[in-house]
Amino acid sequence: IADAMIGMNTFQVRRVPISLGMFTDDEFRTMQRR
């Protein structure tokens, strides 16, 4: 799945990390302002 979603030898520049759901509410609000 990981390679199928993102690609082989690949990285992504994102506004928020993939693991967004594992952050606290304060961290989430900070990332939403990015």
PDB file of all heavy atoms in Angstrom:
ATOM      1  N   ILE A   1       0.804  -1.215   0.000  1.00  0.00           N
ATOM      2  CA  ILE A   1       0.000   0.000   0.000  1.00  0.00           C
ATOM      3  C   ILE A   1       0.837   1.265   0.000  1.00  0.00           C
ATOM      4  O   ILE A   1       0.553   2.214  -0.723  1.00  0.00           O
ATOM      5  CB  ILE A   1      -0.971  -0.006   1.195  1.00  0.00           C
ATOM      6  CG1 ILE A   1      -1.934  -1.191   1.071  1.00  0.00           C
ATOM      7  CG2 ILE A   1      -1.761   1.292   1.250  1.00  0.00           C
ATOM      8  CD1 ILE A   1      -2.920  -1.305   2.208  1.00  0.00           C
ATOM      9  N   ALA A   2       1.900   1.300   0.839  1.00  0.00           N
ATOM     10  CA  ALA A   2       2.685   2.536   0.954  1.00  0.00           C
ATOM     11  C   ALA A   2       3.269   2.941  -0.396  1.00  0.00           C
ATOM     12  O   ALA A   2       3.172   4.092  -0.823  1.00  0.00           O
ATOM     13  CB  ALA A   2       3.793   2.349   1.990  1.00  0.00           C
ATOM     14  N   ASP A   3       3.898   1.990  -1.077  1.00  0.00           N
ATOM     15  CA  ASP A   3       4.483   2.307  -2.387  1.00  0.00           C
ATOM     16  C   ASP A   3       3.405   2.597  -3.417  1.00  0.00           C
ATOM     17  O   ASP A   3       3.594   3.432  -4.311  1.00  0.00           O
ATOM     18  CB  ASP A   3       5.371   1.150  -2.868  1.00  0.00           C
ATOM     19  CG  ASP A   3       6.696   1.098  -2.112  1.00  0.00           C
ATOM     20  OD1 ASP A   3       7.084   2.137  -1.543  1.00  0.00           O
ATOM     21  OD2 ASP A   3       7.323   0.029  -2.086  1.00  0.00           O
ATOM     22  N   ALA A   4       2.261   1.907  -3.320  1.00  0.00           N
ATOM     23  CA  ALA A   4       1.182   2.152  -4.282  1.00  0.00           C
ATOM     24  C   ALA A   4       0.601   3.550  -4.102  1.00  0.00           C
ATOM     25  O   ALA A   4       0.209   4.206  -5.069  1.00  0.00           O
ATOM     26  CB  ALA A   4       0.084   1.105  -4.110  1.00  0.00           C
ATOM     27  N   MET A   5       0.548   4.038  -2.871  1.00  0.00           N
ATOM     28  CA  MET A   5      -0.024   5.354  -2.615  1.00  0.00           C
ATOM     29  C   MET A   5       0.944   6.480  -2.974  1.00  0.00           C
ATOM     30  O   MET A   5       0.545   7.499  -3.534  1.00  0.00           O
ATOM     31  CB  MET A   5      -0.421   5.478  -1.141  1.00  0.00           C
ATOM     32  CG  MET A   5      -1.631   4.660  -0.745  1.00  0.00           C
ATOM     33  SD  MET A   5      -2.045   4.885   0.986  1.00  0.00           S
ATOM     34  CE  MET A   5      -2.410   6.627   1.038  1.00  0.00           C
ATOM     35  N   ILE A   6       2.200   6.319  -2.614  1.00  0.00           N
ATOM     36  CA  ILE A   6       3.156   7.415  -2.757  1.00  0.00           C
ATOM     37  C   ILE A   6       4.109   7.200  -3.930  1.00  0.00           C
ATOM     38  O   ILE A   6       4.461   8.141  -4.630  1.00  0.00           O
ATOM     39  CB  ILE A   6       3.934   7.604  -1.433  1.00  0.00           C
ATOM     40  CG1 ILE A   6       2.956   8.059  -0.341  1.00  0.00           C
ATOM     41  CG2 ILE A   6       5.057   8.602  -1.586  1.00  0.00           C
ATOM     42  CD1 ILE A   6       3.583   8.273   1.009  1.00  0.00           C
ATOM     43  N   GLY A   7       4.513   5.942  -4.161  1.00  0.00           N
ATOM     44  CA  GLY A   7       5.423   5.661  -5.258  1.00  0.00           C
ATOM     45  C   GLY A   7       6.762   5.150  -4.757  1.00  0.00           C
ATOM     46  O   GLY A   7       7.158   5.393  -3.621  1.00  0.00           O
ATOM     47  N   MET A   8       7.477   4.430  -5.619  1.00  0.00           N
ATOM     48  CA  MET A   8       8.799   3.904  -5.285  1.00  0.00           C
ATOM     49  C   MET A   8       9.835   5.021  -5.342  1.00  0.00           C
ATOM     50  O   MET A   8       9.778   5.898  -6.203  1.00  0.00           O
ATOM     51  CB  MET A   8       9.180   2.790  -6.270  1.00  0.00           C
ATOM     52  CG  MET A   8       8.327   1.536  -6.146  1.00  0.00           C
ATOM     53  SD  MET A   8       8.752   0.559  -4.693  1.00  0.00           S
ATOM     54  CE  MET A   8      10.365  -0.037  -5.171  1.00  0.00           C
ATOM     55  N   ASN A   9      10.801   4.992  -4.398  1.00  0.00           N
ATOM     56  CA  ASN A   9      11.888   5.983  -4.355  1.00  0.00           C
ATOM     57  C   ASN A   9      11.335   7.406  -4.344  1.00  0.00           C
ATOM     58  O   ASN A   9      11.880   8.312  -4.975  1.00  0.00           O
ATOM     59  CB  ASN A   9      12.845   5.813  -5.538  1.00  0.00           C
ATOM     60  CG  ASN A   9      13.427   4.417  -5.627  1.00  0.00           C
ATOM     61  OD1 ASN A   9      13.519   3.716  -4.626  1.00  0.00           O
ATOM     62  ND2 ASN A   9      13.810   4.000  -6.820  1.00  0.00           N
ATOM     63  N   THR A  10      10.245   7.588  -3.628  1.00  0.00           N
ATOM     64  CA  THR A  10       9.510   8.849  -3.686  1.00  0.00           C
ATOM     65  C   THR A  10       9.297   9.422  -2.288  1.00  0.00           C
ATOM     66  O   THR A  10       9.142   8.678  -1.317  1.00  0.00           O
ATOM     67  CB  THR A  10       8.138   8.628  -4.359  1.00  0.00           C
ATOM     68  OG1 THR A  10       8.345   8.152  -5.681  1.00  0.00           O
ATOM     69  CG2 THR A  10       7.328   9.912  -4.423  1.00  0.00           C
ATOM     70  N   PHE A  11       9.307  10.749  -2.208  1.00  0.00           N
ATOM     71  CA  PHE A  11       8.886  11.423  -0.979  1.00  0.00           C
ATOM     72  C   PHE A  11       7.937  12.550  -1.345  1.00  0.00           C
ATOM     73  O   PHE A  11       7.825  12.945  -2.509  1.00  0.00           O
ATOM     74  CB  PHE A  11      10.075  11.939  -0.170  1.00  0.00           C
ATOM     75  CG  PHE A  11      10.868  13.033  -0.833  1.00  0.00           C
ATOM     76  CD1 PHE A  11      10.556  14.382  -0.629  1.00  0.00           C
ATOM     77  CD2 PHE A  11      11.961  12.734  -1.644  1.00  0.00           C
ATOM     78  CE1 PHE A  11      11.286  15.393  -1.230  1.00  0.00           C
ATOM     79  CE2 PHE A  11      12.707  13.743  -2.245  1.00  0.00           C
ATOM     80  CZ  PHE A  11      12.367  15.080  -2.038  1.00  0.00           C
ATOM     81  N   GLN A  12       7.224  13.036  -0.337  1.00  0.00           N
ATOM     82  CA  GLN A  12       6.241  14.088  -0.573  1.00  0.00           C
ATOM     83  C   GLN A  12       6.475  15.283   0.339  1.00  0.00           C
ATOM     84  O   GLN A  12       6.900  15.126   1.487  1.00  0.00           O
ATOM     85  CB  GLN A  12       4.817  13.559  -0.344  1.00  0.00           C
ATOM     86  CG  GLN A  12       4.344  12.583  -1.404  1.00  0.00           C
ATOM     87  CD  GLN A  12       2.895  12.174  -1.199  1.00  0.00           C
ATOM     88  OE1 GLN A  12       2.368  12.198  -0.087  1.00  0.00           O
ATOM     89  NE2 GLN A  12       2.227  11.790  -2.279  1.00  0.00           N
ATOM     90  N   VAL A  13       6.191  16.459  -0.193  1.00  0.00           N
ATOM     91  CA  VAL A  13       6.154  17.686   0.598  1.00  0.00           C
ATOM     92  C   VAL A  13       4.676  17.999   0.807  1.00  0.00           C
ATOM     93  O   VAL A  13       3.930  18.207  -0.151  1.00  0.00           O
ATOM     94  CB  VAL A  13       6.858  18.854  -0.128  1.00  0.00           C
ATOM     95  CG1 VAL A  13       6.831  20.109   0.747  1.00  0.00           C
ATOM     96  CG2 VAL A  13       8.289  18.475  -0.495  1.00  0.00           C
ATOM     97  N   ARG A  14       4.269  18.016   2.080  1.00  0.00           N
ATOM     98  CA  ARG A  14       2.854  18.145   2.407  1.00  0.00           C
ATOM     99  C   ARG A  14       2.636  19.294   3.393  1.00  0.00           C
ATOM    100  O   ARG A  14       3.562  19.708   4.097  1.00  0.00           O
ATOM    101  CB  ARG A  14       2.326  16.856   3.051  1.00  0.00           C
ATOM    102  CG  ARG A  14       2.683  15.580   2.315  1.00  0.00           C
ATOM    103  CD  ARG A  14       2.311  14.348   3.121  1.00  0.00           C
ATOM    104  NE  ARG A  14       0.881  14.258   3.317  1.00  0.00           N
ATOM    105  CZ  ARG A  14       0.065  13.603   2.504  1.00  0.00           C
ATOM    106  NH1 ARG A  14       0.541  12.956   1.457  1.00  0.00           N
ATOM    107  NH2 ARG A  14      -1.218  13.569   2.738  1.00  0.00           N
ATOM    108  N   ARG A  15       1.420  19.753   3.440  1.00  0.00           N
ATOM    109  CA  ARG A  15       1.059  20.777   4.435  1.00  0.00           C
ATOM    110  C   ARG A  15       1.060  20.171   5.832  1.00  0.00           C
ATOM    111  O   ARG A  15       1.533  20.785   6.798  1.00  0.00           O
ATOM    112  CB  ARG A  15      -0.319  21.342   4.097  1.00  0.00           C
ATOM    113  CG  ARG A  15      -0.835  22.381   5.079  1.00  0.00           C
ATOM    114  CD  ARG A  15      -2.070  23.070   4.507  1.00  0.00           C
ATOM    115  NE  ARG A  15      -2.732  23.911   5.469  1.00  0.00           N
ATOM    116  CZ  ARG A  15      -3.865  23.602   6.097  1.00  0.00           C
ATOM    117  NH1 ARG A  15      -4.451  22.437   5.834  1.00  0.00           N
ATOM    118  NH2 ARG A  15      -4.415  24.433   6.960  1.00  0.00           N
ATOM    119  N   VAL A  16       0.506  18.973   5.975  1.00  0.00           N
ATOM    120  CA  VAL A  16       0.463  18.286   7.261  1.00  0.00           C
ATOM    121  C   VAL A  16       0.952  16.857   7.051  1.00  0.00           C
ATOM    122  O   VAL A  16       0.849  16.310   5.953  1.00  0.00           O
ATOM    123  CB  VAL A  16      -0.964  18.279   7.856  1.00  0.00           C
ATOM    124  CG1 VAL A  16      -1.411  19.686   8.171  1.00  0.00           C
ATOM    125  CG2 VAL A  16      -1.944  17.595   6.915  1.00  0.00           C
ATOM    126  N   PRO A  17       1.497  16.216   8.086  1.00  0.00           N
ATOM    127  CA  PRO A  17       1.985  14.839   7.924  1.00  0.00           C
ATOM    128  C   PRO A  17       0.850  13.849   7.747  1.00  0.00           C
ATOM    129  O   PRO A  17      -0.307  14.122   8.083  1.00  0.00           O
ATOM    130  CB  PRO A  17       2.759  14.586   9.231  1.00  0.00           C
ATOM    131  CG  PRO A  17       2.182  15.545  10.204  1.00  0.00           C
ATOM    132  CD  PRO A  17       1.764  16.751   9.429  1.00  0.00           C
ATOM    133  N   ILE A  18       1.200  12.679   7.235  1.00  0.00           N
ATOM    134  CA  ILE A  18       0.208  11.617   7.039  1.00  0.00           C
ATOM    135  C   ILE A  18      -0.422  11.218   8.362  1.00  0.00           C
ATOM    136  O   ILE A  18      -1.613  10.923   8.439  1.00  0.00           O
ATOM    137  CB  ILE A  18       0.870  10.399   6.366  1.00  0.00           C
ATOM    138  CG1 ILE A  18       1.256  10.752   4.930  1.00  0.00           C
ATOM    139  CG2 ILE A  18      -0.050   9.192   6.377  1.00  0.00           C
ATOM    140  CD1 ILE A  18       2.033   9.679   4.222  1.00  0.00           C
ATOM    141  N   SER A  19       0.353  11.213   9.428  1.00  0.00           N
ATOM    142  CA  SER A  19      -0.127  10.762  10.735  1.00  0.00           C
ATOM    143  C   SER A  19      -0.835  11.866  11.502  1.00  0.00           C
ATOM    144  O   SER A  19      -0.725  11.969  12.717  1.00  0.00           O
ATOM    145  CB  SER A  19       1.048  10.231  11.568  1.00  0.00           C
ATOM    146  OG  SER A  19       2.073  11.203  11.656  1.00  0.00           O
ATOM    147  N   LEU A  20      -1.606  12.687  10.801  1.00  0.00           N
ATOM    148  CA  LEU A  20      -2.273  13.832  11.427  1.00  0.00           C
ATOM    149  C   LEU A  20      -3.157  13.409  12.592  1.00  0.00           C
ATOM    150  O   LEU A  20      -3.210  14.077  13.616  1.00  0.00           O
ATOM    151  CB  LEU A  20      -3.108  14.573  10.376  1.00  0.00           C
ATOM    152  CG  LEU A  20      -3.918  15.777  10.879  1.00  0.00           C
ATOM    153  CD1 LEU A  20      -2.994  16.828  11.440  1.00  0.00           C
ATOM    154  CD2 LEU A  20      -4.783  16.351   9.783  1.00  0.00           C
ATOM    155  N   GLY A  21      -3.843  12.294  12.463  1.00  0.00           N
ATOM    156  CA  GLY A  21      -4.785  11.883  13.495  1.00  0.00           C
ATOM    157  C   GLY A  21      -4.154  11.527  14.822  1.00  0.00           C
ATOM    158  O   GLY A  21      -4.856  11.350  15.810  1.00  0.00           O
ATOM    159  N   MET A  22      -2.821  11.404  14.881  1.00  0.00           N
ATOM    160  CA  MET A  22      -2.156  11.010  16.111  1.00  0.00           C
ATOM    161  C   MET A  22      -1.630  12.210  16.891  1.00  0.00           C
ATOM    162  O   MET A  22      -0.887  12.048  17.846  1.00  0.00           O
ATOM    163  CB  MET A  22      -1.002  10.049  15.788  1.00  0.00           C
ATOM    164  CG  MET A  22      -1.383   8.862  14.925  1.00  0.00           C
ATOM    165  SD  MET A  22      -2.763   7.889  15.579  1.00  0.00           S
ATOM    166  CE  MET A  22      -1.986   7.136  16.992  1.00  0.00           C
ATOM    167  N   PHE A  23      -2.014  13.439  16.506  1.00  0.00           N
ATOM    168  CA  PHE A  23      -1.544  14.634  17.187  1.00  0.00           C
ATOM    169  C   PHE A  23      -2.595  15.153  18.155  1.00  0.00           C
ATOM    170  O   PHE A  23      -3.775  14.829  18.066  1.00  0.00           O
ATOM    171  CB  PHE A  23      -1.167  15.730  16.180  1.00  0.00           C
ATOM    172  CG  PHE A  23       0.067  15.415  15.385  1.00  0.00           C
ATOM    173  CD1 PHE A  23      -0.033  14.918  14.094  1.00  0.00           C
ATOM    174  CD2 PHE A  23       1.316  15.593  15.932  1.00  0.00           C
ATOM    175  CE1 PHE A  23       1.097  14.617  13.366  1.00  0.00           C
ATOM    176  CE2 PHE A  23       2.457  15.310  15.208  1.00  0.00           C
ATOM    177  CZ  PHE A  23       2.356  14.814  13.927  1.00  0.00           C
ATOM    178  N   THR A  24      -2.146  16.020  19.082  1.00  0.00           N
ATOM    179  CA  THR A  24      -3.068  16.629  20.035  1.00  0.00           C
ATOM    180  C   THR A  24      -3.879  17.720  19.340  1.00  0.00           C
ATOM    181  O   THR A  24      -3.561  18.146  18.228  1.00  0.00           O
ATOM    182  CB  THR A  24      -2.293  17.245  21.212  1.00  0.00           C
ATOM    183  OG1 THR A  24      -1.484  18.321  20.711  1.00  0.00           O
ATOM    184  CG2 THR A  24      -1.394  16.207  21.883  1.00  0.00           C
ATOM    185  N   ASP A  25      -4.903  18.200  20.037  1.00  0.00           N
ATOM    186  CA  ASP A  25      -5.751  19.257  19.472  1.00  0.00           C
ATOM    187  C   ASP A  25      -4.952  20.525  19.199  1.00  0.00           C
ATOM    188  O   ASP A  25      -5.162  21.187  18.176  1.00  0.00           O
ATOM    189  CB  ASP A  25      -6.914  19.557  20.423  1.00  0.00           C
ATOM    190  CG  ASP A  25      -7.926  18.422  20.478  1.00  0.00           C
ATOM    191  OD1 ASP A  25      -7.904  17.571  19.559  1.00  0.00           O
ATOM    192  OD2 ASP A  25      -8.731  18.383  21.426  1.00  0.00           O
ATOM    193  N   ASP A  26      -4.044  20.878  20.122  1.00  0.00           N
ATOM    194  CA  ASP A  26      -3.235  22.095  19.932  1.00  0.00           C
ATOM    195  C   ASP A  26      -2.324  21.952  18.717  1.00  0.00           C
ATOM    196  O   ASP A  26      -2.186  22.899  17.921  1.00  0.00           O
ATOM    197  CB  ASP A  26      -2.396  22.374  21.182  1.00  0.00           C
ATOM    198  CG  ASP A  26      -3.248  22.867  22.347  1.00  0.00           C
ATOM    199  OD1 ASP A  26      -4.380  23.331  22.086  1.00  0.00           O
ATOM    200  OD2 ASP A  26      -2.796  22.772  23.502  1.00  0.00           O
ATOM    201  N   GLU A  27      -1.701  20.771  18.577  1.00  0.00           N
ATOM    202  CA  GLU A  27      -0.841  20.551  17.417  1.00  0.00           C
ATOM    203  C   GLU A  27      -1.656  20.578  16.126  1.00  0.00           C
ATOM    204  O   GLU A  27      -1.196  21.115  15.110  1.00  0.00           O
ATOM    205  CB  GLU A  27      -0.111  19.205  17.565  1.00  0.00           C
ATOM    206  CG  GLU A  27       0.949  19.197  18.657  1.00  0.00           C
ATOM    207  CD  GLU A  27       1.495  17.810  18.917  1.00  0.00           C
ATOM    208  OE1 GLU A  27       0.738  16.832  18.787  1.00  0.00           O
ATOM    209  OE2 GLU A  27       2.680  17.699  19.266  1.00  0.00           O
ATOM    210  N   PHE A  28      -2.853  20.023  16.184  1.00  0.00           N
ATOM    211  CA  PHE A  28      -3.720  20.024  15.007  1.00  0.00           C
ATOM    212  C   PHE A  28      -4.076  21.461  14.599  1.00  0.00           C
ATOM    213  O   PHE A  28      -4.022  21.808  13.414  1.00  0.00           O
ATOM    214  CB  PHE A  28      -4.995  19.226  15.295  1.00  0.00           C
ATOM    215  CG  PHE A  28      -5.998  19.255  14.178  1.00  0.00           C
ATOM    216  CD1 PHE A  28      -5.835  18.478  13.053  1.00  0.00           C
ATOM    217  CD2 PHE A  28      -7.121  20.076  14.254  1.00  0.00           C
ATOM    218  CE1 PHE A  28      -6.753  18.512  12.016  1.00  0.00           C
ATOM    219  CE2 PHE A  28      -8.042  20.120  13.233  1.00  0.00           C
ATOM    220  CZ  PHE A  28      -7.859  19.334  12.110  1.00  0.00           C
ATOM    221  N   ARG A  29      -4.445  22.288  15.580  1.00  0.00           N
ATOM    222  CA  ARG A  29      -4.803  23.676  15.267  1.00  0.00           C
ATOM    223  C   ARG A  29      -3.599  24.442  14.699  1.00  0.00           C
ATOM    224  O   ARG A  29      -3.762  25.262  13.786  1.00  0.00           O
ATOM    225  CB  ARG A  29      -5.340  24.366  16.528  1.00  0.00           C
ATOM    226  CG  ARG A  29      -6.776  23.985  16.854  1.00  0.00           C
ATOM    227  CD  ARG A  29      -7.349  24.885  17.933  1.00  0.00           C
ATOM    228  NE  ARG A  29      -6.725  24.628  19.224  1.00  0.00           N
ATOM    229  CZ  ARG A  29      -7.204  23.750  20.108  1.00  0.00           C
ATOM    230  NH1 ARG A  29      -8.295  23.058  19.832  1.00  0.00           N
ATOM    231  NH2 ARG A  29      -6.598  23.571  21.270  1.00  0.00           N
ATOM    232  N   THR A  30      -2.405  24.145  15.223  1.00  0.00           N
ATOM    233  CA  THR A  30      -1.198  24.792  14.694  1.00  0.00           C
ATOM    234  C   THR A  30      -0.973  24.401  13.236  1.00  0.00           C
ATOM    235  O   THR A  30      -0.663  25.251  12.388  1.00  0.00           O
ATOM    236  CB  THR A  30       0.036  24.396  15.537  1.00  0.00           C
ATOM    237  OG1 THR A  30      -0.165  24.838  16.881  1.00  0.00           O
ATOM    238  CG2 THR A  30       1.306  25.035  14.978  1.00  0.00           C
ATOM    239  N   MET A  31      -1.152  23.121  12.927  1.00  0.00           N
ATOM    240  CA  MET A  31      -0.956  22.659  11.558  1.00  0.00           C
ATOM    241  C   MET A  31      -2.013  23.210  10.613  1.00  0.00           C
ATOM    242  O   MET A  31      -1.740  23.452   9.437  1.00  0.00           O
ATOM    243  CB  MET A  31      -0.965  21.127  11.524  1.00  0.00           C
ATOM    244  CG  MET A  31       0.255  20.515  12.181  1.00  0.00           C
ATOM    245  SD  MET A  31       0.197  18.721  12.150  1.00  0.00           S
ATOM    246  CE  MET A  31       1.666  18.348  13.123  1.00  0.00           C
ATOM    247  N   GLN A  32      -3.216  23.426  11.123  1.00  0.00           N
ATOM    248  CA  GLN A  32      -4.277  23.975  10.282  1.00  0.00           C
ATOM    249  C   GLN A  32      -3.967  25.411   9.840  1.00  0.00           C
ATOM    250  O   GLN A  32      -4.507  25.883   8.839  1.00  0.00           O
ATOM    251  CB  GLN A  32      -5.618  23.945  11.030  1.00  0.00           C
ATOM    252  CG  GLN A  32      -6.209  22.542  11.160  1.00  0.00           C
ATOM    253  CD  GLN A  32      -6.537  21.933   9.795  1.00  0.00           C
ATOM    254  OE1 GLN A  32      -5.742  21.188   9.233  1.00  0.00           O
ATOM    255  NE2 GLN A  32      -7.690  22.260   9.266  1.00  0.00           N
ATOM    256  N   ARG A  33      -3.103  26.082  10.594  1.00  0.00           N
ATOM    257  CA  ARG A  33      -2.726  27.450  10.231  1.00  0.00           C
ATOM    258  C   ARG A  33      -1.585  27.505   9.217  1.00  0.00           C
ATOM    259  O   ARG A  33      -1.210  28.579   8.758  1.00  0.00           O
ATOM    260  CB  ARG A  33      -2.339  28.235  11.491  1.00  0.00           C
ATOM    261  CG  ARG A  33      -3.515  28.524  12.424  1.00  0.00           C
ATOM    262  CD  ARG A  33      -3.161  29.562  13.465  1.00  0.00           C
ATOM    263  NE  ARG A  33      -2.185  29.060  14.428  1.00  0.00           N
ATOM    264  CZ  ARG A  33      -2.512  28.463  15.569  1.00  0.00           C
ATOM    265  NH1 ARG A  33      -3.791  28.281  15.892  1.00  0.00           N
ATOM    266  NH2 ARG A  33      -1.567  28.037  16.394  1.00  0.00           N
ATOM    267  N   ARG A  34      -1.039  26.359   8.887  1.00  0.00           N
ATOM    268  CA  ARG A  34       0.043  26.340   7.903  1.00  0.00           C
ATOM    269  C   ARG A  34      -0.465  26.747   6.517  1.00  0.00           C
ATOM    270  O   ARG A  34      -1.598  26.424   6.151  1.00  0.00           O
ATOM    271  CB  ARG A  34       0.643  24.930   7.806  1.00  0.00           C
ATOM    272  CG  ARG A  34       1.451  24.491   9.014  1.00  0.00           C
ATOM    273  CD  ARG A  34       1.968  23.082   8.817  1.00  0.00           C
ATOM    274  NE  ARG A  34       2.872  22.664   9.877  1.00  0.00           N
ATOM    275  CZ  ARG A  34       3.486  21.490   9.908  1.00  0.00           C
ATOM    276  NH1 ARG A  34       3.259  20.605   8.939  1.00  0.00           N
ATOM    277  NH2 ARG A  34       4.307  21.194  10.896  1.00  0.00           N
TER     278      ARG A  34
END
